[in-house]
Amino acid sequence: MAGEGPELGDLLSMGVTLALCVAAGFGLGWLVDLPFGTFPVFALVGLLLGVGAAALYVYKLFERYSGKG
């Protein structure tokens, strides 16, 4: 039935958002690594933060469509 779950646009934007969270986290960590010469320390920290942000986004989205939010 219509209106019960995410539509195609929601799913496409979710994919883009997930990719951007992970890429932005890694990219910002890499930018911090450049002046200090500490690669891959902050890149990995940024990657983990990006994955965490993506997981939080997915959780909030599932909460919205499950009817609890």
N, C-alpha and C. Protein backbone atom coordinates (compact mmCIF):
# COMPACT_ATOMS: atom_id res chain seq x y z
N MET A 1 0.83 -1.19 0.00
CA MET A 1 0.00 0.00 0.00
C MET A 1 0.87 1.24 0.00
N ALA A 2 0.38 2.27 -0.63
CA ALA A 2 1.13 3.52 -0.71
C ALA A 2 1.14 4.22 0.63
N GLY A 3 2.27 4.86 0.94
CA GLY A 3 2.38 5.65 2.15
C GLY A 3 2.86 4.89 3.37
N GLU A 4 3.13 3.60 3.24
CA GLU A 4 3.55 2.82 4.40
C GLU A 4 5.06 2.82 4.59
N GLY A 5 5.80 3.01 3.54
CA GLY A 5 7.25 2.93 3.64
C GLY A 5 7.91 4.01 2.81
N PRO A 6 9.22 3.93 2.74
CA PRO A 6 9.94 4.93 1.96
C PRO A 6 9.67 4.78 0.47
N GLU A 7 9.70 5.89 -0.22
CA GLU A 7 9.52 5.88 -1.66
C GLU A 7 10.89 5.84 -2.32
N LEU A 8 10.90 5.77 -3.65
CA LEU A 8 12.16 5.66 -4.39
C LEU A 8 13.09 6.84 -4.10
N GLY A 9 12.55 8.03 -4.06
CA GLY A 9 13.37 9.21 -3.78
C GLY A 9 14.01 9.15 -2.40
N ASP A 10 13.27 8.63 -1.42
CA ASP A 10 13.82 8.48 -0.07
C ASP A 10 14.99 7.50 -0.07
N LEU A 11 14.84 6.41 -0.79
CA LEU A 11 15.88 5.40 -0.83
C LEU A 11 17.13 5.89 -1.57
N LEU A 12 16.91 6.63 -2.65
CA LEU A 12 18.05 7.18 -3.39
C LEU A 12 18.81 8.20 -2.55
N SER A 13 18.06 9.06 -1.86
CA SER A 13 18.73 10.06 -1.03
C SER A 13 19.43 9.40 0.16
N MET A 14 18.90 8.28 0.63
CA MET A 14 19.55 7.56 1.72
C MET A 14 20.89 7.02 1.25
N GLY A 15 20.96 6.47 0.07
CA GLY A 15 22.22 5.96 -0.46
C GLY A 15 23.26 7.04 -0.62
N VAL A 16 22.83 8.17 -1.16
CA VAL A 16 23.76 9.30 -1.34
C VAL A 16 24.23 9.82 0.02
N THR A 17 23.32 9.93 0.97
CA THR A 17 23.68 10.43 2.30
C THR A 17 24.66 9.49 2.99
N LEU A 18 24.45 8.20 2.88
CA LEU A 18 25.36 7.23 3.50
C LEU A 18 26.76 7.35 2.90
N ALA A 19 26.82 7.44 1.59
CA ALA A 19 28.12 7.56 0.93
C ALA A 19 28.81 8.86 1.32
N LEU A 20 28.05 9.95 1.40
CA LEU A 20 28.65 11.23 1.77
C LEU A 20 29.13 11.25 3.21
N CYS A 21 28.41 10.62 4.11
CA CYS A 21 28.85 10.56 5.51
C CYS A 21 30.20 9.86 5.62
N VAL A 22 30.32 8.72 4.97
CA VAL A 22 31.56 7.96 5.04
C VAL A 22 32.70 8.71 4.34
N ALA A 23 32.44 9.24 3.15
CA ALA A 23 33.48 9.95 2.41
C ALA A 23 33.90 11.23 3.11
N ALA A 24 32.94 11.96 3.66
CA ALA A 24 33.27 13.20 4.36
C ALA A 24 34.08 12.92 5.62
N GLY A 25 33.72 11.90 6.35
CA GLY A 25 34.48 11.54 7.54
C GLY A 25 35.91 11.19 7.20
N PHE A 26 36.10 10.35 6.19
CA PHE A 26 37.45 9.98 5.78
C PHE A 26 38.21 11.19 5.24
N GLY A 27 37.54 11.98 4.41
CA GLY A 27 38.20 13.15 3.80
C GLY A 27 38.64 14.17 4.83
N LEU A 28 37.78 14.45 5.80
CA LEU A 28 38.17 15.41 6.83
C LEU A 28 39.31 14.88 7.69
N GLY A 29 39.27 13.59 7.98
CA GLY A 29 40.38 12.99 8.73
C GLY A 29 41.68 13.05 7.95
N TRP A 30 41.59 12.80 6.66
CA TRP A 30 42.78 12.87 5.81
C TRP A 30 43.33 14.30 5.76
N LEU A 31 42.44 15.29 5.71
CA LEU A 31 42.89 16.68 5.70
C LEU A 31 43.59 17.06 7.01
N VAL A 32 43.15 16.48 8.10
CA VAL A 32 43.82 16.73 9.38
C VAL A 32 45.17 16.03 9.40
N ASP A 33 45.27 14.87 8.77
CA ASP A 33 46.53 14.12 8.72
C ASP A 33 47.61 14.82 7.91
N LEU A 34 47.22 15.54 6.86
CA LEU A 34 48.20 16.14 5.95
C LEU A 34 49.24 17.01 6.66
N PRO A 35 48.84 18.02 7.44
CA PRO A 35 49.87 18.88 8.03
C PRO A 35 50.70 18.20 9.12
N PHE A 36 50.16 17.18 9.75
CA PHE A 36 50.86 16.53 10.85
C PHE A 36 51.64 15.29 10.42
N GLY A 37 51.39 14.80 9.22
CA GLY A 37 52.07 13.61 8.73
C GLY A 37 51.73 12.36 9.52
N THR A 38 50.48 12.26 9.96
CA THR A 38 50.07 11.15 10.80
C THR A 38 49.17 10.15 10.07
N PHE A 39 49.12 10.23 8.74
CA PHE A 39 48.25 9.32 7.99
C PHE A 39 48.57 7.89 8.35
N PRO A 40 47.64 7.08 8.65
CA PRO A 40 46.20 7.09 8.50
C PRO A 40 45.43 7.29 9.80
N VAL A 41 46.05 7.83 10.84
CA VAL A 41 45.41 7.90 12.16
C VAL A 41 44.09 8.65 12.11
N PHE A 42 44.12 9.92 11.72
CA PHE A 42 42.89 10.71 11.73
C PHE A 42 41.95 10.33 10.59
N ALA A 43 42.51 9.79 9.51
CA ALA A 43 41.65 9.31 8.43
C ALA A 43 40.79 8.15 8.92
N LEU A 44 41.38 7.25 9.70
CA LEU A 44 40.60 6.13 10.23
C LEU A 44 39.59 6.60 11.28
N VAL A 45 40.00 7.56 12.11
CA VAL A 45 39.06 8.11 13.10
C VAL A 45 37.90 8.79 12.38
N GLY A 46 38.19 9.56 11.35
CA GLY A 46 37.14 10.20 10.57
C GLY A 46 36.25 9.19 9.88
N LEU A 47 36.86 8.12 9.38
CA LEU A 47 36.08 7.07 8.74
C LEU A 47 35.12 6.43 9.73
N LEU A 48 35.60 6.15 10.92
CA LEU A 48 34.73 5.57 11.95
C LEU A 48 33.61 6.54 12.34
N LEU A 49 33.93 7.81 12.45
CA LEU A 49 32.89 8.80 12.77
C LEU A 49 31.87 8.90 11.63
N GLY A 50 32.33 8.81 10.40
CA GLY A 50 31.43 8.83 9.25
C GLY A 50 30.51 7.62 9.23
N VAL A 51 31.06 6.46 9.53
CA VAL A 51 30.24 5.24 9.59
C VAL A 51 29.23 5.35 10.73
N GLY A 52 29.66 5.92 11.86
CA GLY A 52 28.74 6.13 12.98
C GLY A 52 27.61 7.09 12.62
N ALA A 53 27.96 8.17 11.92
CA ALA A 53 26.94 9.12 11.49
C ALA A 53 25.97 8.47 10.51
N ALA A 54 26.48 7.65 9.61
CA ALA A 54 25.62 6.95 8.66
C ALA A 54 24.70 5.96 9.38
N ALA A 55 25.22 5.27 10.37
CA ALA A 55 24.40 4.32 11.13
C ALA A 55 23.29 5.05 11.89
N LEU A 56 23.63 6.19 12.47
CA LEU A 56 22.63 6.99 13.18
C LEU A 56 21.54 7.48 12.22
N TYR A 57 21.95 7.88 11.03
CA TYR A 57 20.99 8.32 10.02
C TYR A 57 20.03 7.19 9.64
N VAL A 58 20.58 6.01 9.42
CA VAL A 58 19.75 4.85 9.07
C VAL A 58 18.80 4.52 10.21
N TYR A 59 19.29 4.55 11.43
CA TYR A 59 18.45 4.27 12.59
C TYR A 59 17.28 5.25 12.67
N LYS A 60 17.56 6.54 12.50
CA LYS A 60 16.50 7.55 12.54
C LYS A 60 15.50 7.35 11.41
N LEU A 61 16.00 6.97 10.24
CA LEU A 61 15.10 6.74 9.11
C LEU A 61 14.21 5.53 9.35
N PHE A 62 14.78 4.44 9.86
CA PHE A 62 13.97 3.26 10.17
C PHE A 62 12.96 3.57 11.26
N GLU A 63 13.35 4.37 12.21
CA GLU A 63 12.44 4.77 13.28
C GLU A 63 11.25 5.54 12.71
N ARG A 64 11.52 6.42 11.74
CA ARG A 64 10.46 7.21 11.13
C ARG A 64 9.46 6.32 10.39
N TYR A 65 9.97 5.35 9.64
CA TYR A 65 9.09 4.52 8.83
C TYR A 65 8.50 3.33 9.58
N SER A 66 8.99 3.06 10.76
CA SER A 66 8.41 1.96 11.54
C SER A 66 7.19 2.42 12.34
N GLY A 67 6.96 3.73 12.36
CA GLY A 67 5.80 4.25 13.07
C GLY A 67 6.07 4.63 14.51
N LYS A 68 7.31 4.49 14.95
CA LYS A 68 7.65 4.83 16.33
C LYS A 68 8.10 6.27 16.48
N GLY A 69 8.45 6.91 15.38
CA GLY A 69 8.99 8.28 15.46
C GLY A 69 8.01 9.23 15.00
